C-alpha atoms as a PDB file:
ATOM      1  CA  MET A   1     114.071  92.425 103.684  1.00  0.00           C
ATOM      2  CA  LYS A   2     113.660  96.080 104.559  1.00  0.00           C
ATOM      3  CA  ASP A   3     111.160  97.052 107.241  1.00  0.00           C
ATOM      4  CA  ASN A   4     110.684 100.473 105.670  1.00  0.00           C
ATOM      5  CA  THR A   5     107.800 100.776 103.276  1.00  0.00           C
ATOM      6  CA  LYS A   6     106.481 103.826 101.491  1.00  0.00           C
ATOM      7  CA  ASP A   7     103.787 104.292 104.159  1.00  0.00           C
ATOM      8  CA  GLY A   8     106.003 103.833 107.196  1.00  0.00           C
ATOM      9  CA  ILE A   9     107.548 101.033 109.129  1.00  0.00           C
ATOM     10  CA  ILE A  10     106.206  97.531 109.670  1.00  0.00           C
ATOM     11  CA  SER A  11     108.200  96.455 112.685  1.00  0.00           C
ATOM     12  CA  LYS A  12     109.564  92.986 113.312  1.00  0.00           C
ATOM     13  CA  GLU A  13     107.368  92.968 116.429  1.00  0.00           C
ATOM     14  CA  GLN A  14     104.278  93.622 114.304  1.00  0.00           C
ATOM     15  CA  ILE A  15     105.214  90.822 111.932  1.00  0.00           C
ATOM     16  CA  GLU A  16     105.692  88.454 114.872  1.00  0.00           C
ATOM     17  CA  ALA A  17     102.314  89.533 116.313  1.00  0.00           C
ATOM     18  CA  TRP A  18     100.625  88.766 112.976  1.00  0.00           C
ATOM     19  CA  LYS A  19     102.319  85.357 112.829  1.00  0.00           C
ATOM     20  CA  LYS A  20     101.055  84.585 116.311  1.00  0.00           C
ATOM     21  CA  GLN A  21      97.553  85.902 115.545  1.00  0.00           C
ATOM     22  CA  TYR A  22      97.224  83.758 112.416  1.00  0.00           C
ATOM     23  CA  LYS A  23      99.148  80.798 113.880  1.00  0.00           C
ATOM     24  CA  VAL A  24     101.718  80.589 111.078  1.00  0.00           C
ATOM     25  CA  GLU A  25     105.493  80.372 110.939  1.00  0.00           C
ATOM     26  CA  LYS A  26     105.691  82.571 107.828  1.00  0.00           C
ATOM     27  CA  LEU A  27     103.496  85.322 106.400  1.00  0.00           C
ATOM     28  CA  PRO A  28     103.017  85.757 102.670  1.00  0.00           C
ATOM     29  CA  THR A  29     104.660  88.911 101.365  1.00  0.00           C
ATOM     30  CA  LEU A  30     104.326  90.790  98.112  1.00  0.00           C
ATOM     31  CA  ASN A  31     107.595  92.234  96.784  1.00  0.00           C
ATOM     32  CA  ILE A  32     107.244  94.220  93.589  1.00  0.00           C
ATOM     33  CA  VAL A  33     110.324  95.868  92.081  1.00  0.00           C
ATOM     34  CA  VAL A  34     109.121  99.293  90.963  1.00  0.00           C
ATOM     35  CA  ALA A  35     112.536 100.633  89.949  1.00  0.00           C
ATOM     36  CA  PRO A  36     116.150  99.977  90.933  1.00  0.00           C
ATOM     37  CA  GLY A  37     116.290 100.508  94.684  1.00  0.00           C
ATOM     38  CA  ASP A  38     112.484 100.857  94.983  1.00  0.00           C
ATOM     39  CA  VAL A  39     110.663  97.740  96.137  1.00  0.00           C
ATOM     40  CA  ALA A  40     107.020  97.873  97.189  1.00  0.00           C
ATOM     41  CA  ILE A  41     106.477  95.423 100.054  1.00  0.00           C
ATOM     42  CA  GLY A  42     103.136  94.266 101.433  1.00  0.00           C
ATOM     43  CA  TYR A  43     102.131  91.696 104.014  1.00  0.00           C
ATOM     44  CA  LEU A  44      99.224  89.282 103.670  1.00  0.00           C
ATOM     45  CA  ARG A  45      97.495  86.966 106.056  1.00  0.00           C
ATOM     46  CA  PRO A  46      96.690  83.404 105.050  1.00  0.00           C
ATOM     47  CA  PRO A  47      93.390  83.219 103.146  1.00  0.00           C
ATOM     48  CA  SER A  48      90.347  81.742 104.860  1.00  0.00           C
ATOM     49  CA  ARG A  49      88.375  78.889 103.333  1.00  0.00           C
ATOM     50  CA  ASN A  50      85.800  81.399 102.037  1.00  0.00           C
ATOM     51  CA  HIS A  51      88.559  83.470 100.445  1.00  0.00           C
ATOM     52  CA  LYS A  52      89.916  80.362  98.735  1.00  0.00           C
ATOM     53  CA  ALA A  53      86.467  79.349  97.482  1.00  0.00           C
ATOM     54  CA  THR A  54      85.737  82.783  96.017  1.00  0.00           C
ATOM     55  CA  ALA A  55      89.188  83.088  94.477  1.00  0.00           C
ATOM     56  CA  LEU A  56      89.017  79.616  92.904  1.00  0.00           C
ATOM     57  CA  SER A  57      85.601  80.426  91.465  1.00  0.00           C
ATOM     58  CA  MET A  58      87.045  83.562  89.845  1.00  0.00           C
ATOM     59  CA  TYR A  59      90.080  81.638  88.627  1.00  0.00           C
ATOM     60  CA  SER A  60      87.898  78.955  87.032  1.00  0.00           C
ATOM     61  CA  GLN A  61      86.172  81.740  85.056  1.00  0.00           C
ATOM     62  CA  ASN A  62      89.592  82.894  83.759  1.00  0.00           C
ATOM     63  CA  LYS A  63      89.389  86.021  85.934  1.00  0.00           C
ATOM     64  CA  VAL A  64      92.999  85.716  87.028  1.00  0.00           C
ATOM     65  CA  LEU A  65      93.565  89.415  87.731  1.00  0.00           C
ATOM     66  CA  GLU A  66      90.285  89.736  89.659  1.00  0.00           C
ATOM     67  CA  CYS A  67      91.159  86.609  91.646  1.00  0.00           C
ATOM     68  CA  GLY A  68      94.473  88.156  92.677  1.00  0.00           C
ATOM     69  CA  GLU A  69      92.880  91.521  93.468  1.00  0.00           C
ATOM     70  CA  PHE A  70      90.332  89.790  95.683  1.00  0.00           C
ATOM     71  CA  LEU A  71      93.018  87.878  97.577  1.00  0.00           C
ATOM     72  CA  ARG A  72      95.360  90.889  97.842  1.00  0.00           C
ATOM     73  CA  ASP A  73      92.623  93.157  99.167  1.00  0.00           C
ATOM     74  CA  ASN A  74      90.968  90.662 101.514  1.00  0.00           C
ATOM     75  CA  CYS A  75      94.177  89.247 103.002  1.00  0.00           C
ATOM     76  CA  TRP A  76      95.983  92.612 103.285  1.00  0.00           C
ATOM     77  CA  LEU A  77      97.688  93.312 106.612  1.00  0.00           C
ATOM     78  CA  GLY A  78      99.835  96.312 105.745  1.00  0.00           C
ATOM     79  CA  GLY A  79     102.684  97.726 103.742  1.00  0.00           C
ATOM     80  CA  ASP A  80     103.210  99.946 100.730  1.00  0.00           C
ATOM     81  CA  SER A  81      99.838 101.334  99.618  1.00  0.00           C
ATOM     82  CA  ARG A  82     101.031 101.460  95.996  1.00  0.00           C
ATOM     83  CA  LEU A  83     100.402  97.703  95.920  1.00  0.00           C
ATOM     84  CA  GLN A  84      96.699  98.555  96.078  1.00  0.00           C
ATOM     85  CA  THR A  85      96.458 101.988  94.485  1.00  0.00           C
ATOM     86  CA  ASP A  86      99.015 102.429  91.666  1.00  0.00           C
ATOM     87  CA  GLU A  87      97.586 100.602  88.649  1.00  0.00           C
ATOM     88  CA  ASN A  88     100.791  99.035  87.293  1.00  0.00           C
ATOM     89  CA  ILE A  89     102.108  98.077  90.718  1.00  0.00           C
ATOM     90  CA  ALA A  90      98.675  96.903  91.913  1.00  0.00           C
ATOM     91  CA  ASP A  91      98.173  94.681  88.858  1.00  0.00           C
ATOM     92  CA  SER A  92     101.589  93.074  89.378  1.00  0.00           C
ATOM     93  CA  ALA A  93     100.789  92.568  93.067  1.00  0.00           C
ATOM     94  CA  ALA A  94      97.415  91.005  92.216  1.00  0.00           C
ATOM     95  CA  ILE A  95      99.018  88.461  89.892  1.00  0.00           C
ATOM     96  CA  GLN A  96     101.520  87.568  92.627  1.00  0.00           C
ATOM     97  CA  ALA A  97      98.778  87.408  95.293  1.00  0.00           C
ATOM     98  CA  SER A  98      96.883  84.773  93.331  1.00  0.00           C
ATOM     99  CA  GLY A  99      99.676  82.361  94.303  1.00  0.00           C
ATOM    100  CA  ILE A 100      98.737  82.598  97.990  1.00  0.00           C
ATOM    101  CA  VAL A 101      96.265  79.707  97.720  1.00  0.00           C
ATOM    102  CA  LYS A 102      98.149  76.546  98.560  1.00  0.00           C
ATOM    103  CA  PHE A 103      96.929  72.974  98.853  1.00  0.00           C
ATOM    104  CA  LEU A 104      98.634  69.875 100.186  1.00  0.00           C
ATOM    105  CA  SER A 105      99.595  67.342  97.591  1.00  0.00           C
ATOM    106  CA  GLY A 106      97.482  64.225  97.351  1.00  0.00           C
ATOM    107  CA  GLU A 107      95.830  61.916  94.895  1.00  0.00           C
ATOM    108  CA  LEU A 108      92.492  60.302  94.364  1.00  0.00           C
ATOM    109  CA  GLY A 109      92.612  56.543  94.086  1.00  0.00           C
ATOM    110  CA  GLU A 110      90.357  53.540  93.884  1.00  0.00           C
ATOM    111  CA  VAL A 111      90.221  50.345  95.945  1.00  0.00           C
END
């Protein structure tokens, strides 16, 4: 992955600092192919419980794009600003960002 983004450089040191700050081994990234050789890259932090609750509420109302926009904007750490400002790129990023909400697998049973 390239460190260069349209707005500057997100250094490996910055990425490591974010990982330490949010106590994760991996950070979510958005990678949107704009054109051959042009990839918009953005970095997200893990969503908080409140972010998950709001996003799931939007999702349950079939507001998939709004759900992704909410998560993209509220979990944004840095990267290519086109992911937030250019309509086509931002919409693609929002759809990808909606996948940031992860749950452990489990099942409800009876005894």
